[in-house]
């Protein structure tokens, strides 16, 4: 069946999104096509605002609308705890548990030489600069329990071992190969409560 060019373009663009295959992209494009104009306009406006108004926090690299995110500027956060995560999506997942009240540091990925992600590609240097204030007493490594996350955790443990800071890792309440952003709040919460000291 020949698909009209504008519809095919929409399908092609939607299928570039993570976890969206061609069939799902086609369903989404057809749904958008059938939707009221104001619904589509609202979607387009929200996507434009997302790109124009959202930035990365200059301190922790979480998503923010300001130079510094709400977590970094909040006087209610425990500044002696810092949770190191792979992505901003992990911050969202952890915050939903209401089990953690410290600061964050988003690495922007994990070590993956096959994909070209090396040490210099991550926000590790920025993490070490933040630790120079001696305000942080414990680093919690909350990286995904897969080979890349484990390799990054080992590298960070070795890098941090001579600093006067406790290093712990969230407990393995998360399945091997699972991602934080897809785990339920109770599982993530238990993983934080059951974290183990590794240094």
Protein backbone atom coordinates (compact mmCIF):
# COMPACT_ATOMS: atom_id res chain seq x y z
CA UNK A 1 0.00 0.00 0.00
CA UNK A 2 1.29 3.43 -0.96
CA UNK A 3 1.38 5.79 2.06
CA UNK A 4 0.92 9.52 1.50
CA UNK A 5 4.23 11.37 1.84
CA UNK A 6 3.27 13.60 4.83
CA UNK A 7 2.06 10.52 6.74
CA UNK A 8 5.22 8.58 5.88
CA UNK A 9 7.39 11.50 7.04
CA UNK A 10 5.55 11.57 10.37
CA UNK A 11 5.98 7.78 10.74
CA UNK A 12 9.69 8.05 9.93
CA UNK A 13 10.24 10.79 12.53
CA UNK A 14 8.20 9.07 15.25
CA UNK A 15 10.04 5.78 14.69
CA UNK A 16 13.31 7.55 15.59
CA UNK A 17 12.07 7.85 19.20
CA UNK A 18 13.34 5.25 21.71
CA UNK A 19 11.21 2.11 22.02
CA UNK A 20 9.01 3.19 19.09
CA UNK A 21 8.98 0.69 16.26
CA UNK A 22 7.52 1.26 12.80
CA UNK A 23 4.07 -0.17 13.67
CA UNK A 24 3.76 1.95 16.83
CA UNK A 25 4.95 5.01 14.91
CA UNK A 26 2.28 4.35 12.30
CA UNK A 27 -0.44 4.02 14.97
CA UNK A 28 0.72 7.28 16.60
CA UNK A 29 0.83 9.14 13.28
CA UNK A 30 -2.68 7.94 12.39
CA UNK A 31 -3.93 8.92 15.85
CA UNK A 32 -2.46 12.41 15.41
CA UNK A 33 -4.02 12.63 11.95
CA UNK A 34 -7.48 11.82 13.39
CA UNK A 35 -7.09 14.21 16.36
CA UNK A 36 -8.64 17.68 16.59
CA UNK A 37 -6.42 20.52 15.34
CA UNK A 38 -6.18 22.10 18.82
CA UNK A 39 -4.95 18.79 20.27
CA UNK A 40 -2.21 18.56 17.65
CA UNK A 41 -1.35 22.26 18.14
CA UNK A 42 -1.01 21.69 21.90
CA UNK A 43 1.32 18.73 21.26
CA UNK A 44 3.47 20.73 18.84
CA UNK A 45 3.58 23.71 21.25
CA UNK A 46 4.62 21.49 24.16
CA UNK A 47 7.46 19.96 22.12
CA UNK A 48 8.73 23.39 21.04
CA UNK A 49 8.59 24.64 24.66
CA UNK A 50 10.43 21.50 25.77
CA UNK A 51 13.34 22.32 23.45
CA UNK A 52 13.32 26.06 24.13
CA UNK A 53 12.78 26.17 27.90
CA UNK A 54 14.46 23.06 29.27
CA UNK A 55 18.20 23.03 29.89
CA UNK A 56 20.62 21.07 32.01
CA UNK A 57 21.49 22.24 35.52
CA UNK A 58 24.99 23.73 35.56
CA UNK A 59 25.72 21.99 38.88
CA UNK A 60 24.30 18.45 38.70
CA UNK A 61 23.27 18.19 35.00
CA UNK A 62 19.68 17.28 35.82
CA UNK A 63 16.96 18.83 33.64
CA UNK A 64 15.94 22.33 34.68
CA UNK A 65 14.25 25.51 33.53
CA UNK A 66 16.88 27.64 35.28
CA UNK A 67 20.69 27.61 35.44
CA UNK A 68 20.42 25.57 38.65
CA UNK A 69 17.71 22.97 39.19
CA UNK A 70 15.19 22.94 42.04
CA UNK A 71 17.01 20.10 43.79
CA UNK A 72 20.38 21.90 43.84
CA UNK A 73 18.82 25.14 45.13
CA UNK A 74 16.49 23.56 47.71
CA UNK A 75 17.50 24.25 51.33
CA UNK A 76 15.56 21.11 52.36
CA UNK A 77 17.90 18.64 50.62
CA UNK A 78 20.50 16.69 52.59
CA UNK A 79 23.77 18.07 51.19
CA UNK A 80 25.88 15.34 52.76
CA UNK A 81 24.41 12.74 50.36
CA UNK A 82 24.99 12.65 46.61
CA UNK A 83 23.42 10.09 44.30
CA UNK A 84 25.27 9.45 41.03
CA UNK A 85 23.00 8.39 38.16
CA UNK A 86 23.33 7.80 34.43
CA UNK A 87 20.51 10.02 33.14
CA UNK A 88 17.96 12.63 34.20
CA UNK A 89 15.27 9.96 33.75
CA UNK A 90 16.86 8.13 36.70
CA UNK A 91 16.48 11.25 38.89
CA UNK A 92 12.76 11.30 38.05
CA UNK A 93 12.42 7.59 38.91
CA UNK A 94 14.24 7.99 42.25
CA UNK A 95 12.32 11.14 43.22
CA UNK A 96 9.03 9.26 42.77
CA UNK A 97 10.00 6.89 45.60
CA UNK A 98 10.17 9.67 48.24
CA UNK A 99 12.94 7.60 49.88
CA UNK A 100 15.88 9.86 49.02
CA UNK A 101 16.40 13.51 50.00
CA UNK A 102 19.98 14.21 48.98
CA UNK A 103 21.64 15.76 45.95
CA UNK A 104 22.27 14.21 42.52
CA UNK A 105 24.98 14.10 39.92
CA UNK A 106 23.98 13.03 36.40
CA UNK A 107 26.88 11.48 34.49
CA UNK A 108 25.18 11.76 31.11
CA UNK A 109 25.78 8.10 30.30
CA UNK A 110 27.95 5.16 31.32
CA UNK A 111 31.23 3.79 30.02
CA UNK A 112 30.64 2.00 26.73
CA UNK A 113 33.76 1.90 24.52
CA UNK A 114 31.91 0.05 21.75
CA UNK A 115 29.49 2.99 21.46
CA UNK A 116 32.31 5.53 21.79
CA UNK A 117 31.40 6.58 25.34
CA UNK A 118 34.69 7.02 27.18
CA UNK A 119 35.63 8.61 30.53
CA UNK A 120 35.96 12.09 29.01
CA UNK A 121 32.42 11.80 27.60
CA UNK A 122 30.95 11.60 31.11
CA UNK A 123 30.59 14.26 33.83
CA UNK A 124 33.17 12.59 36.09
CA UNK A 125 35.56 15.56 36.22
CA UNK A 126 32.62 17.76 37.29
CA UNK A 127 31.73 15.23 40.01
CA UNK A 128 35.26 15.40 41.43
CA UNK A 129 35.14 19.22 41.42
CA UNK A 130 31.88 19.14 43.39
CA UNK A 131 33.44 16.86 46.00
CA UNK A 132 36.23 19.36 46.73
CA UNK A 133 33.92 21.32 49.05
CA UNK A 134 33.98 18.38 51.53
CA UNK A 135 30.26 18.92 52.08
CA UNK A 136 29.34 15.49 50.69
CA UNK A 137 29.95 12.61 53.12
CA UNK A 138 28.43 9.74 51.12
CA UNK A 139 28.26 8.98 47.40
CA UNK A 140 25.49 6.57 46.40
CA UNK A 141 26.11 4.89 43.05
CA UNK A 142 22.72 4.27 41.44
CA UNK A 143 23.76 3.10 38.00
CA UNK A 144 21.80 0.49 36.08
CA UNK A 145 22.79 -3.10 36.99
CA UNK A 146 24.22 -4.08 33.61
CA UNK A 147 27.77 -4.51 32.29
CA UNK A 148 28.20 -0.81 31.38
CA UNK A 149 26.76 0.38 34.70
CA UNK A 150 28.96 -2.07 36.62
CA UNK A 151 32.09 -0.99 34.70
CA UNK A 152 31.32 2.67 35.42
CA UNK A 153 30.69 1.90 39.12
CA UNK A 154 34.05 0.09 39.39
CA UNK A 155 35.81 3.01 37.72
CA UNK A 156 34.14 5.50 40.10
CA UNK A 157 34.96 3.35 43.16
CA UNK A 158 38.63 3.34 42.16
CA UNK A 159 38.60 7.07 41.45
CA UNK A 160 36.93 7.95 44.76
CA UNK A 161 38.78 5.50 47.05
CA UNK A 162 41.33 8.06 48.31
CA UNK A 163 38.75 10.75 49.05
CA UNK A 164 37.26 11.22 52.53
CA UNK A 165 33.82 10.11 51.40
CA UNK A 166 31.82 6.92 51.96
CA UNK A 167 30.85 5.17 48.72
CA UNK A 168 27.77 2.94 48.65
CA UNK A 169 25.74 1.33 45.93
CA UNK A 170 22.01 0.79 45.81
CA UNK A 171 21.05 -2.76 46.68
CA UNK A 172 20.31 -5.24 43.93
CA UNK A 173 16.58 -4.97 44.33
CA UNK A 174 16.63 -4.09 40.66
CA UNK A 175 16.82 -6.88 38.10
CA UNK A 176 20.11 -7.45 36.28
CA UNK A 177 19.87 -5.73 32.93
CA UNK A 178 16.93 -3.59 34.08
CA UNK A 179 16.72 0.20 33.81
CA UNK A 180 15.84 2.51 36.69
CA UNK A 181 13.35 4.51 34.65
CA UNK A 182 11.22 1.39 34.04
CA UNK A 183 11.32 0.06 37.62
CA UNK A 184 8.40 0.65 39.96
CA UNK A 185 8.76 3.07 42.88
CA UNK A 186 8.59 0.36 45.56
CA UNK A 187 11.48 -1.58 43.99
CA UNK A 188 13.67 1.53 43.71
CA UNK A 189 12.76 2.56 47.24
CA UNK A 190 13.78 -0.85 48.64
CA UNK A 191 17.03 -0.69 46.69
CA UNK A 192 17.87 2.64 48.36
CA UNK A 193 17.00 1.43 51.85
CA UNK A 194 19.06 -1.73 51.36
CA UNK A 195 22.11 -0.06 49.81
CA UNK A 196 25.45 -1.54 50.80
CA UNK A 197 28.74 0.15 51.58
CA UNK A 198 31.46 -0.64 49.04
CA UNK A 199 34.18 1.66 50.29
